Amino acid sequence: MAGMTKTQLVRHLAEQTEVSNKVSAQYLELLAALAVKETKKNGAFTLPGLGKLVKQQRKARLGRNPQTGDTIKIPAKTVVKFRVAKAVKDAIAPGKK
């Protein structure tokens, strides 16, 4: 199952907004750069209507090496998660009623 490629997305945005592919690509690049910058700086970035990028701290924990079965220590680290907006969740996969 293949998703939309960046080229297809740029072309679609350009057609819908009646701008050139170059302008559409620049907009997409700026949006991505802004999302990274704001998430890094403030810990979160909201894409209205889609969801939110959130930076979280993960605690150190013990894990298991699947090849040897040995217990290993996994260090603490920062991870980024995307929380999907409720409206999007309901539109794509409506709950049972």
C-alpha atoms as a PDB file:
ATOM      1  CA  MET A   1       0.000   0.000   0.000  1.00  0.00           C
ATOM      2  CA  ALA A   2       1.780   3.135  -1.200  1.00  0.00           C
ATOM      3  CA  GLY A   3       1.032   6.599   0.137  1.00  0.00           C
ATOM      4  CA  MET A   4       1.289   9.915  -1.598  1.00  0.00           C
ATOM      5  CA  THR A   5       4.854  10.904  -2.532  1.00  0.00           C
ATOM      6  CA  LYS A   6       6.253  14.356  -1.840  1.00  0.00           C
ATOM      7  CA  THR A   7       6.076  15.199  -5.556  1.00  0.00           C
ATOM      8  CA  GLN A   8       2.425  14.156  -5.722  1.00  0.00           C
ATOM      9  CA  LEU A   9       1.651  16.163  -2.575  1.00  0.00           C
ATOM     10  CA  VAL A  10       3.390  19.276  -3.951  1.00  0.00           C
ATOM     11  CA  ARG A  11       1.554  18.917  -7.264  1.00  0.00           C
ATOM     12  CA  HIS A  12      -1.821  18.448  -5.536  1.00  0.00           C
ATOM     13  CA  LEU A  13      -1.296  21.484  -3.273  1.00  0.00           C
ATOM     14  CA  ALA A  14      -0.220  23.572  -6.269  1.00  0.00           C
ATOM     15  CA  GLU A  15      -3.347  22.619  -8.224  1.00  0.00           C
ATOM     16  CA  GLN A  16      -5.693  23.247  -5.298  1.00  0.00           C
ATOM     17  CA  THR A  17      -4.194  26.650  -4.407  1.00  0.00           C
ATOM     18  CA  GLU A  18      -3.498  27.679  -8.016  1.00  0.00           C
ATOM     19  CA  VAL A  19       0.191  28.398  -7.436  1.00  0.00           C
ATOM     20  CA  SER A  20       3.298  26.935  -9.075  1.00  0.00           C
ATOM     21  CA  ASN A  21       4.835  23.648  -7.977  1.00  0.00           C
ATOM     22  CA  LYS A  22       7.911  25.606  -6.840  1.00  0.00           C
ATOM     23  CA  VAL A  23       5.871  27.819  -4.483  1.00  0.00           C
ATOM     24  CA  SER A  24       3.979  24.799  -3.185  1.00  0.00           C
ATOM     25  CA  ALA A  25       7.258  22.945  -2.488  1.00  0.00           C
ATOM     26  CA  GLN A  26       8.667  25.996  -0.681  1.00  0.00           C
ATOM     27  CA  TYR A  27       5.553  26.171   1.487  1.00  0.00           C
ATOM     28  CA  LEU A  28       5.871  22.497   2.397  1.00  0.00           C
ATOM     29  CA  GLU A  29       9.579  22.914   3.263  1.00  0.00           C
ATOM     30  CA  LEU A  30       8.847  25.995   5.398  1.00  0.00           C
ATOM     31  CA  LEU A  31       6.079  24.180   7.263  1.00  0.00           C
ATOM     32  CA  ALA A  32       8.369  21.220   8.006  1.00  0.00           C
ATOM     33  CA  ALA A  33      11.210  23.495   9.164  1.00  0.00           C
ATOM     34  CA  LEU A  34       8.842  25.499  11.381  1.00  0.00           C
ATOM     35  CA  ALA A  35       7.437  22.296  12.929  1.00  0.00           C
ATOM     36  CA  VAL A  36      10.948  21.071  13.792  1.00  0.00           C
ATOM     37  CA  LYS A  37      12.068  24.458  15.164  1.00  0.00           C
ATOM     38  CA  GLU A  38       8.982  24.996  17.336  1.00  0.00           C
ATOM     39  CA  THR A  39       8.912  21.418  18.654  1.00  0.00           C
ATOM     40  CA  LYS A  40      12.589  21.686  19.570  1.00  0.00           C
ATOM     41  CA  LYS A  41      12.122  25.084  21.243  1.00  0.00           C
ATOM     42  CA  ASN A  42       8.711  24.764  22.938  1.00  0.00           C
ATOM     43  CA  GLY A  43       8.232  20.999  23.163  1.00  0.00           C
ATOM     44  CA  ALA A  44       5.107  21.000  20.970  1.00  0.00           C
ATOM     45  CA  PHE A  45       3.817  22.136  17.579  1.00  0.00           C
ATOM     46  CA  THR A  46       0.148  22.028  16.615  1.00  0.00           C
ATOM     47  CA  LEU A  47      -0.986  21.458  13.047  1.00  0.00           C
ATOM     48  CA  PRO A  48      -4.576  22.743  13.228  1.00  0.00           C
ATOM     49  CA  GLY A  49      -7.023  20.121  12.044  1.00  0.00           C
ATOM     50  CA  LEU A  50      -4.414  17.304  11.997  1.00  0.00           C
ATOM     51  CA  GLY A  51      -2.701  16.908  15.339  1.00  0.00           C
ATOM     52  CA  LYS A  52       0.276  17.853  17.432  1.00  0.00           C
ATOM     53  CA  LEU A  53       4.014  17.055  17.461  1.00  0.00           C
ATOM     54  CA  VAL A  54       5.130  16.585  21.070  1.00  0.00           C
ATOM     55  CA  LYS A  55       8.641  16.183  22.502  1.00  0.00           C
ATOM     56  CA  GLN A  56       8.793  13.755  25.449  1.00  0.00           C
ATOM     57  CA  GLN A  57      11.447  12.439  27.817  1.00  0.00           C
ATOM     58  CA  ARG A  58      11.641   8.656  28.040  1.00  0.00           C
ATOM     59  CA  LYS A  59      13.029   7.253  31.301  1.00  0.00           C
ATOM     60  CA  ALA A  60      15.927   4.804  31.476  1.00  0.00           C
ATOM     61  CA  ARG A  61      14.722   1.212  31.680  1.00  0.00           C
ATOM     62  CA  LEU A  62      15.800  -2.392  31.513  1.00  0.00           C
ATOM     63  CA  GLY A  63      15.280  -4.254  28.258  1.00  0.00           C
ATOM     64  CA  ARG A  64      16.167  -7.632  26.801  1.00  0.00           C
ATOM     65  CA  ASN A  65      18.484  -8.442  23.902  1.00  0.00           C
ATOM     66  CA  PRO A  66      16.284 -10.620  21.654  1.00  0.00           C
ATOM     67  CA  GLN A  67      19.251 -12.591  20.244  1.00  0.00           C
ATOM     68  CA  THR A  68      20.956 -13.543  23.502  1.00  0.00           C
ATOM     69  CA  GLY A  69      18.195 -13.019  26.064  1.00  0.00           C
ATOM     70  CA  ASP A  70      20.555 -10.888  28.183  1.00  0.00           C
ATOM     71  CA  THR A  71      19.116  -7.997  30.185  1.00  0.00           C
ATOM     72  CA  ILE A  72      20.454  -4.638  29.022  1.00  0.00           C
ATOM     73  CA  LYS A  73      20.093  -1.101  30.346  1.00  0.00           C
ATOM     74  CA  ILE A  74      18.377   1.247  27.883  1.00  0.00           C
ATOM     75  CA  PRO A  75      19.391   4.877  28.584  1.00  0.00           C
ATOM     76  CA  ALA A  76      16.944   7.766  28.969  1.00  0.00           C
ATOM     77  CA  LYS A  77      16.301   9.725  25.785  1.00  0.00           C
ATOM     78  CA  THR A  78      14.121  12.361  24.169  1.00  0.00           C
ATOM     79  CA  VAL A  79      11.557  11.173  21.613  1.00  0.00           C
ATOM     80  CA  VAL A  80       9.045  12.934  19.366  1.00  0.00           C
ATOM     81  CA  LYS A  81       5.467  11.700  19.087  1.00  0.00           C
ATOM     82  CA  PHE A  82       2.576  12.772  16.884  1.00  0.00           C
ATOM     83  CA  ARG A  83      -0.810  12.964  18.571  1.00  0.00           C
ATOM     84  CA  VAL A  84      -3.621  12.800  16.056  1.00  0.00           C
ATOM     85  CA  ALA A  85      -6.522  15.220  16.542  1.00  0.00           C
ATOM     86  CA  LYS A  86      -9.795  13.657  17.688  1.00  0.00           C
ATOM     87  CA  ALA A  87     -11.666  14.965  14.623  1.00  0.00           C
ATOM     88  CA  VAL A  88      -9.156  13.233  12.317  1.00  0.00           C
ATOM     89  CA  LYS A  89      -9.347   9.989  14.307  1.00  0.00           C
ATOM     90  CA  ASP A  90     -13.128  10.003  14.139  1.00  0.00           C
ATOM     91  CA  ALA A  91     -13.126  10.781  10.392  1.00  0.00           C
ATOM     92  CA  ILE A  92     -10.655   8.010   9.510  1.00  0.00           C
ATOM     93  CA  ALA A  93     -11.590   5.309  12.011  1.00  0.00           C
ATOM     94  CA  PRO A  94     -14.914   6.059  13.669  1.00  0.00           C
ATOM     95  CA  GLY A  95     -15.503   4.324  16.991  1.00  0.00           C
ATOM     96  CA  LYS A  96     -18.174   1.701  17.527  1.00  0.00           C
ATOM     97  CA  LYS A  97     -21.602   3.094  18.391  1.00  0.00           C
END
